[in-house]
Amino acid sequence: MRIAMLSPIAWSTPPEHYGPWERVVSLLTEGLVDEGVDVTLFATGNSHTKAKLCSVIHSGYEEDKSIDVKVWEGLHISEVFDRSSEFDIIHNHFDFLPLTYSGLVKTPVITTIHGFSSSRILPVFEKYNGKVHYISISNSDRAPSLDYLSTIYHGIDIENFSFIDKPGEYLLFFGRIHPDKGAKEAIKIAKELGMQLIMAGVIHDNAYYEKEIKPEIDGKNVIYQGSVGPKKRDHLLGNAYALLHPISFDEPFGLSIIESMACGTPVVAFNRGSMPELIRHGKNGFLVSDVEQAIESLKNIPDIDRNYCRTYIEENFTKEHMAKNYIKAYNQIIEKSNPKDRNE
């Protein structure tokens, strides 16, 4: 089985800090290679992988602001499709744009939809519905107008997350500094409880940060540590009392949720999007509807079995589980495809 894995080029694969799509592509690619699959990863030149790496650009456009995004996205995507005859399947993680190339080749295309940035992009997905194969990352993040091959949850490398059996003394907010992610609400929850809040993540809305977040940061009660790498992430997640996820949008998945639980740390999240698919209320965290419920639930964190949090991830959300589920999807597609119709 020969797979062309098309990663975004905003960041390297895997990213050094932020870059959730690139991180998932990396985890899947390495998991597939471990399963013996022949994978060619199309990503930036500074990416790291055990697969074959193909790149047309050295670094991501978020890492080098001199890069013309449209030019290099076009070159990057076309490189995969120019080489389509070399592969059994093209696996697209680059959102909707590569779909517009799919009718030009005979190699089957599978697209993992990592969420819909806007309903305005749906017409592209709808045009190619039934012509390519769609994978959703949660059951909640499905467009009614599209047909899906399967829902495949993200998985993580469990070895990169240290299990801590005792809760820490601070609350943690780990995500983009943006109204969608509820940074302001996390601060309010922590202040009401009189607990220290540590915040980590890239600033995605500067005006929001300057007005709502920055004035609250005092280096003692509210600490902002910026975007952190894997080692710091592991430390922050594992030593927290709980992870706060007071989102104001329908989260398609939420990697930080499973990463936190892998460390044994329960999650208190607003009950939206995929949260009920990841969190077992009262067992590895709490699903709440507002700040007040979050505050009450946090008082019950000591009742959560941190061992269960870890085991739950080991049994459901590892990169091994993810890779095996994608291999099943690939085999389904290959079985349906007529080899005579493929590019030779």
Protein backbone atom coordinates (compact mmCIF):
# COMPACT_ATOMS: atom_id res chain seq x y z
CA MET A 1 0.00 0.00 0.00
CA ARG A 2 1.48 3.31 -1.14
CA ILE A 3 0.08 6.44 0.49
CA ALA A 4 0.73 10.07 -0.45
CA MET A 5 0.18 12.07 2.74
CA LEU A 6 -0.57 15.72 2.02
CA SER A 7 0.14 17.91 5.05
CA PRO A 8 -0.49 21.66 5.38
CA ILE A 9 2.51 23.95 5.06
CA ALA A 10 1.67 26.61 7.62
CA TRP A 11 4.12 24.90 9.96
CA SER A 12 6.56 22.00 9.85
CA THR A 13 5.27 18.45 10.32
CA PRO A 14 5.32 17.95 13.24
CA PRO A 15 5.25 21.57 14.41
CA GLU A 16 7.65 22.78 17.07
CA HIS A 17 4.84 24.55 18.91
CA TYR A 18 1.39 25.31 17.48
CA GLY A 19 0.06 23.50 14.42
CA PRO A 20 -2.70 20.99 15.28
CA TRP A 21 -3.31 19.73 11.74
CA GLU A 22 0.40 19.21 11.11
CA ARG A 23 0.70 17.44 14.46
CA VAL A 24 -2.08 15.00 13.58
CA VAL A 25 -0.56 14.35 10.14
CA SER A 26 2.76 13.57 11.81
CA LEU A 27 1.23 11.20 14.34
CA LEU A 28 -0.70 9.38 11.62
CA THR A 29 2.28 9.19 9.26
CA GLU A 30 4.58 7.74 11.90
CA GLY A 31 1.87 5.33 13.04
CA LEU A 32 1.36 4.09 9.49
CA VAL A 33 5.09 3.62 8.93
CA ASP A 34 5.23 1.57 12.15
CA GLU A 35 2.45 -0.60 10.67
CA GLY A 36 4.56 -1.23 7.56
CA VAL A 37 2.74 1.15 5.21
CA ASP A 38 4.76 2.86 2.45
CA VAL A 39 4.11 6.55 3.07
CA THR A 40 5.45 9.61 1.27
CA LEU A 41 4.89 12.73 3.33
CA PHE A 42 4.41 15.94 1.36
CA ALA A 43 5.30 18.67 3.85
CA THR A 44 7.84 21.43 4.49
CA GLY A 45 11.53 20.60 4.09
CA ASN A 46 12.21 21.15 7.79
CA SER A 47 9.74 18.42 8.73
CA HIS A 48 10.86 15.23 10.48
CA THR A 49 9.55 11.78 9.60
CA LYS A 50 10.39 8.11 9.21
CA ALA A 51 8.45 8.18 5.94
CA LYS A 52 9.79 9.44 2.63
CA LEU A 53 9.72 13.25 2.70
CA CYS A 54 8.89 15.34 -0.35
CA SER A 55 8.94 19.14 -0.14
CA VAL A 56 8.84 22.11 -2.46
CA ILE A 57 9.43 24.66 0.31
CA HIS A 58 11.82 24.59 3.25
CA SER A 59 9.70 26.10 6.02
CA GLY A 60 6.09 27.01 6.69
CA TYR A 61 4.53 30.33 5.77
CA GLU A 62 3.71 31.01 9.42
CA GLU A 63 7.41 30.55 10.20
CA ASP A 64 8.60 32.70 7.29
CA LYS A 65 6.31 35.65 6.61
CA SER A 66 8.11 36.46 3.32
CA ILE A 67 6.50 33.42 1.70
CA ASP A 68 3.66 34.06 -0.75
CA VAL A 69 1.03 31.68 0.60
CA LYS A 70 -1.01 31.15 -2.58
CA VAL A 71 2.03 30.53 -4.76
CA TRP A 72 3.55 27.88 -2.52
CA GLU A 73 0.25 26.23 -1.64
CA GLY A 74 -0.32 25.78 -5.38
CA LEU A 75 3.15 24.33 -5.92
CA HIS A 76 2.83 22.08 -2.88
CA ILE A 77 -0.56 20.61 -3.79
CA SER A 78 0.27 20.20 -7.49
CA GLU A 79 3.42 18.25 -6.60
CA VAL A 80 1.28 15.52 -5.03
CA PHE A 81 -1.15 15.30 -7.92
CA ASP A 82 1.62 15.43 -10.54
CA ARG A 83 2.94 12.23 -8.93
CA SER A 84 -0.46 10.62 -8.38
CA SER A 85 0.32 7.52 -10.47
CA GLU A 86 2.97 6.52 -7.90
CA PHE A 87 0.38 5.99 -5.17
CA ASP A 88 -2.60 3.83 -4.32
CA ILE A 89 -4.25 6.64 -2.36
CA ILE A 90 -3.76 10.37 -1.88
CA HIS A 91 -4.63 11.35 1.69
CA ASN A 92 -5.49 15.04 1.85
CA HIS A 93 -5.21 17.02 5.12
CA PHE A 94 -5.07 20.36 3.31
CA ASP A 95 -8.74 21.34 3.58
CA PHE A 96 -10.82 21.98 0.45
CA LEU A 97 -8.34 23.27 -2.16
CA PRO A 98 -6.83 19.87 -3.15
CA LEU A 99 -10.34 18.62 -3.94
CA THR A 100 -10.28 20.82 -7.04
CA TYR A 101 -7.39 18.69 -8.37
CA SER A 102 -9.02 15.34 -7.60
CA GLY A 103 -11.01 15.05 -10.85
CA LEU A 104 -7.81 15.33 -12.87
CA VAL A 105 -6.32 12.05 -11.58
CA LYS A 106 -7.52 8.46 -11.28
CA THR A 107 -5.86 7.81 -7.93
CA PRO A 108 -8.49 7.75 -5.16
CA VAL A 109 -8.46 10.72 -2.80
CA ILE A 110 -9.40 10.54 0.88
CA THR A 111 -9.85 13.79 2.76
CA THR A 112 -9.80 14.16 6.52
CA ILE A 113 -11.99 17.16 7.28
CA HIS A 114 -10.39 18.87 10.28
CA GLY A 115 -13.38 21.13 10.83
CA PHE A 116 -15.19 23.75 8.77
CA SER A 117 -13.75 27.24 9.11
CA SER A 118 -16.94 28.62 7.59
CA SER A 119 -20.10 27.40 5.89
CA ARG A 120 -18.84 29.30 2.84
CA ILE A 121 -16.36 26.52 2.03
CA LEU A 122 -19.06 23.84 1.91
CA PRO A 123 -19.80 24.22 -1.83
CA VAL A 124 -16.37 22.78 -2.67
CA PHE A 125 -16.90 19.75 -0.44
CA GLU A 126 -20.41 19.31 -1.85
CA LYS A 127 -19.18 19.43 -5.46
CA TYR A 128 -16.82 16.51 -4.86
CA ASN A 129 -19.12 14.57 -2.55
CA GLY A 130 -19.20 10.97 -3.75
CA LYS A 131 -16.14 11.52 -5.93
CA VAL A 132 -13.66 11.60 -3.04
CA HIS A 133 -13.87 9.94 0.37
CA TYR A 134 -14.49 12.03 3.49
CA ILE A 135 -13.37 11.22 7.03
CA SER A 136 -14.81 13.16 9.97
CA ILE A 137 -12.76 13.63 13.15
CA SER A 138 -15.85 13.43 15.37
CA ASN A 139 -19.48 12.49 14.87
CA SER A 140 -20.54 15.98 15.90
CA ASP A 141 -18.46 17.63 13.16
CA ARG A 142 -20.36 16.32 10.16
CA ALA A 143 -22.10 18.40 7.51
CA PRO A 144 -25.56 16.95 6.74
CA SER A 145 -25.01 17.52 3.01
CA LEU A 146 -21.91 15.30 2.87
CA ASP A 147 -21.40 11.54 2.86
CA TYR A 148 -18.66 10.12 5.06
CA LEU A 149 -16.66 6.93 4.85
CA SER A 150 -16.00 6.91 8.59
CA THR A 151 -15.35 8.89 11.75
CA ILE A 152 -11.77 8.39 12.91
CA TYR A 153 -10.69 10.07 16.12
CA HIS A 154 -7.26 11.59 16.49
CA GLY A 155 -4.65 9.66 18.41
CA ILE A 156 -1.55 10.73 20.31
CA ASP A 157 1.83 9.20 21.08
CA ILE A 158 1.09 8.13 24.62
CA GLU A 159 4.81 7.82 25.38
CA ASN A 160 5.17 11.59 25.13
CA PHE A 161 2.82 12.19 28.05
CA SER A 162 3.92 11.45 31.61
CA PHE A 163 1.29 10.12 33.98
CA ILE A 164 1.03 12.05 37.27
CA ASP A 165 -1.11 10.31 39.88
CA LYS A 166 -1.80 13.33 42.11
CA PRO A 167 -3.54 16.59 41.14
CA GLY A 168 -1.55 19.80 41.17
CA GLU A 169 -2.60 23.12 42.63
CA TYR A 170 -3.13 25.25 39.53
CA LEU A 171 -5.72 25.35 36.77
CA LEU A 172 -4.55 25.23 33.18
CA PHE A 173 -5.81 26.87 30.01
CA PHE A 174 -4.08 25.32 27.00
CA GLY A 175 -5.15 26.61 23.60
CA ARG A 176 -5.39 29.54 21.25
CA ILE A 177 -5.95 32.92 22.88
CA HIS A 178 -9.22 33.55 21.11
CA PRO A 179 -12.85 34.08 22.16
CA ASP A 180 -13.75 30.66 20.69
CA LYS A 181 -11.51 28.93 23.20
CA GLY A 182 -12.80 30.78 26.25
CA ALA A 183 -9.60 32.32 27.63
CA LYS A 184 -11.59 35.09 29.32
CA GLU A 185 -13.96 32.56 30.90
CA ALA A 186 -11.04 30.49 32.17
CA ILE A 187 -9.70 33.54 34.01
CA LYS A 188 -13.10 34.20 35.54
CA ILE A 189 -13.42 30.60 36.74
CA ALA A 190 -9.97 30.63 38.33
CA LYS A 191 -10.57 33.99 40.04
CA GLU A 192 -13.90 32.84 41.46
CA LEU A 193 -12.23 29.74 42.91
CA GLY A 194 -9.18 31.64 44.14
CA MET A 195 -6.87 29.33 42.22
CA GLN A 196 -3.82 30.13 40.14
CA LEU A 197 -4.32 29.90 36.38
CA ILE A 198 -1.53 29.12 33.95
CA MET A 199 -2.25 29.90 30.31
CA ALA A 200 -0.36 28.55 27.30
CA GLY A 201 -1.04 28.99 23.60
CA VAL A 202 -0.57 31.24 20.63
CA ILE A 203 -2.40 34.58 20.43
CA HIS A 204 -4.90 34.31 17.56
CA ASP A 205 -6.84 37.48 18.30
CA ASN A 206 -4.60 40.37 19.29
CA ALA A 207 -7.42 42.79 20.07
CA TYR A 208 -9.08 40.23 22.34
CA TYR A 209 -5.78 39.51 24.06
CA GLU A 210 -5.01 43.19 24.65
CA LYS A 211 -8.47 44.02 25.98
CA GLU A 212 -9.58 40.91 27.87
CA ILE A 213 -6.52 38.85 28.75
CA LYS A 214 -3.40 40.98 29.11
CA PRO A 215 -4.83 43.22 31.89
CA GLU A 216 -5.48 40.08 33.98
CA ILE A 217 -1.97 38.68 33.68
CA ASP A 218 -0.05 39.51 36.84
CA GLY A 219 2.59 36.77 36.88
CA LYS A 220 1.18 35.37 40.11
CA ASN A 221 -2.52 34.59 39.94
CA VAL A 222 -2.70 34.53 36.16
CA ILE A 223 0.44 33.49 34.30
CA TYR A 224 0.77 33.45 30.51
CA GLN A 225 3.58 31.29 29.16
CA GLY A 226 3.00 31.73 25.44
CA SER A 227 3.28 28.88 22.99
CA VAL A 228 5.11 25.94 24.54
CA GLY A 229 6.90 22.92 23.11
CA PRO A 230 6.33 19.22 23.86
CA LYS A 231 8.35 18.98 27.10
CA LYS A 232 6.78 22.05 28.67
CA ARG A 233 3.35 20.92 27.48
CA ASP A 234 3.82 17.57 29.19
CA HIS A 235 4.85 19.25 32.45
CA LEU A 236 2.00 21.77 32.43
CA LEU A 237 -0.68 19.21 31.63
CA GLY A 238 0.50 16.57 34.08
CA ASN A 239 0.91 18.85 37.06
CA ALA A 240 -2.38 20.71 36.74
CA TYR A 241 -5.38 20.35 39.03
CA ALA A 242 -7.60 20.36 35.93
CA LEU A 243 -7.64 21.57 32.35
CA LEU A 244 -10.22 24.26 31.58
CA HIS A 245 -11.88 24.20 28.17
CA PRO A 246 -14.73 26.75 28.31
CA ILE A 247 -15.27 26.92 24.55
CA SER A 248 -17.84 29.11 22.83
CA PHE A 249 -17.92 27.18 19.54
CA ASP A 250 -18.56 23.61 18.46
CA GLU A 251 -15.06 22.15 18.81
CA PRO A 252 -14.46 19.56 16.04
CA PHE A 253 -12.13 17.52 18.27
CA GLY A 254 -9.68 19.04 20.78
CA LEU A 255 -6.23 17.47 21.02
CA SER A 256 -5.51 19.15 24.36
CA ILE A 257 -8.41 17.21 25.89
CA ILE A 258 -6.92 13.79 25.24
CA GLU A 259 -3.38 15.02 25.93
CA SER A 260 -4.46 16.23 29.35
CA MET A 261 -6.20 12.98 30.23
CA ALA A 262 -3.15 11.03 29.03
CA CYS A 263 -1.27 12.74 31.85
CA GLY A 264 -4.04 11.83 34.29
CA THR A 265 -5.45 15.35 34.45
CA PRO A 266 -9.26 15.63 34.14
CA VAL A 267 -10.95 18.23 31.97
CA VAL A 268 -13.81 20.63 32.67
CA ALA A 269 -15.31 21.69 29.36
CA PHE A 270 -18.35 23.49 28.08
CA ASN A 271 -20.63 20.87 26.55
CA ARG A 272 -20.31 21.74 22.88
CA GLY A 273 -19.20 20.02 19.70
CA SER A 274 -17.18 16.85 20.23
CA MET A 275 -16.81 17.24 23.98
CA PRO A 276 -19.37 14.50 24.86
CA GLU A 277 -17.45 12.12 22.58
CA LEU A 278 -14.20 12.68 24.48
CA ILE A 279 -15.27 13.31 28.06
CA ARG A 280 -17.12 10.81 30.26
CA HIS A 281 -18.94 13.08 32.70
CA GLY A 282 -17.89 12.38 36.26
CA LYS A 283 -15.25 9.83 35.23
CA ASN A 284 -12.50 11.74 33.41
CA GLY A 285 -13.89 15.23 33.71
CA PHE A 286 -17.08 17.25 33.66
CA LEU A 287 -19.34 18.61 30.92
CA VAL A 288 -20.85 21.93 31.94
CA SER A 289 -22.92 24.67 30.33
CA ASP A 290 -21.52 27.81 31.91
CA VAL A 291 -18.96 29.38 34.24
CA GLU A 292 -21.03 28.72 37.36
CA GLN A 293 -21.36 25.00 36.62
CA ALA A 294 -17.64 24.83 35.87
CA ILE A 295 -16.86 26.31 39.28
CA GLU A 296 -19.08 23.77 41.04
CA SER A 297 -17.66 20.86 39.06
CA LEU A 298 -14.08 21.81 39.85
CA LYS A 299 -14.82 21.23 43.53
CA ASN A 300 -15.35 17.55 42.65
CA ILE A 301 -12.06 17.04 40.80
CA PRO A 302 -10.55 15.07 43.74
CA ASP A 303 -13.23 12.42 43.10
CA ILE A 304 -11.84 11.74 39.62
CA ASP A 305 -9.59 8.69 39.25
CA ARG A 306 -6.53 9.93 37.39
CA ASN A 307 -5.61 6.33 36.53
CA TYR A 308 -8.90 6.03 34.67
CA CYS A 309 -8.10 9.19 32.71
CA ARG A 310 -4.87 7.62 31.50
CA THR A 311 -6.34 4.20 30.76
CA TYR A 312 -9.21 5.72 28.82
CA ILE A 313 -6.74 7.35 26.42
CA GLU A 314 -4.60 4.23 26.14
CA GLU A 315 -7.64 2.22 25.11
CA ASN A 316 -9.18 4.71 22.69
CA PHE A 317 -6.99 7.57 21.51
CA THR A 318 -3.45 6.45 20.63
CA LYS A 319 -1.71 6.91 17.30
CA GLU A 320 -1.75 3.13 16.96
CA HIS A 321 -5.55 3.10 17.13
CA MET A 322 -5.70 5.97 14.65
CA ALA A 323 -3.32 4.30 12.18
CA LYS A 324 -5.18 0.98 12.25
CA ASN A 325 -8.51 2.72 11.64
CA TYR A 326 -7.10 4.59 8.67
CA ILE A 327 -5.64 1.39 7.23
CA LYS A 328 -9.14 -0.09 7.35
CA ALA A 329 -10.43 2.97 5.48
CA TYR A 330 -7.66 2.72 2.89
CA ASN A 331 -8.42 -0.96 2.28
CA GLN A 332 -12.11 -0.16 1.83
CA ILE A 333 -11.23 2.41 -0.81
CA ILE A 334 -8.75 0.17 -2.61
CA GLU A 335 -11.25 -2.71 -2.70
CA LYS A 336 -13.86 -0.44 -4.29
CA SER A 337 -11.43 0.96 -6.84
CA ASN A 338 -10.90 -0.74 -10.16
CA PRO A 339 -7.12 -1.14 -10.62
CA LYS A 340 -7.54 -0.76 -14.37
CA ASP A 341 -8.90 2.74 -13.88
CA ARG A 342 -5.86 3.96 -11.96
CA ASN A 343 -2.93 5.83 -13.44
CA GLU A 344 -0.14 3.51 -14.47
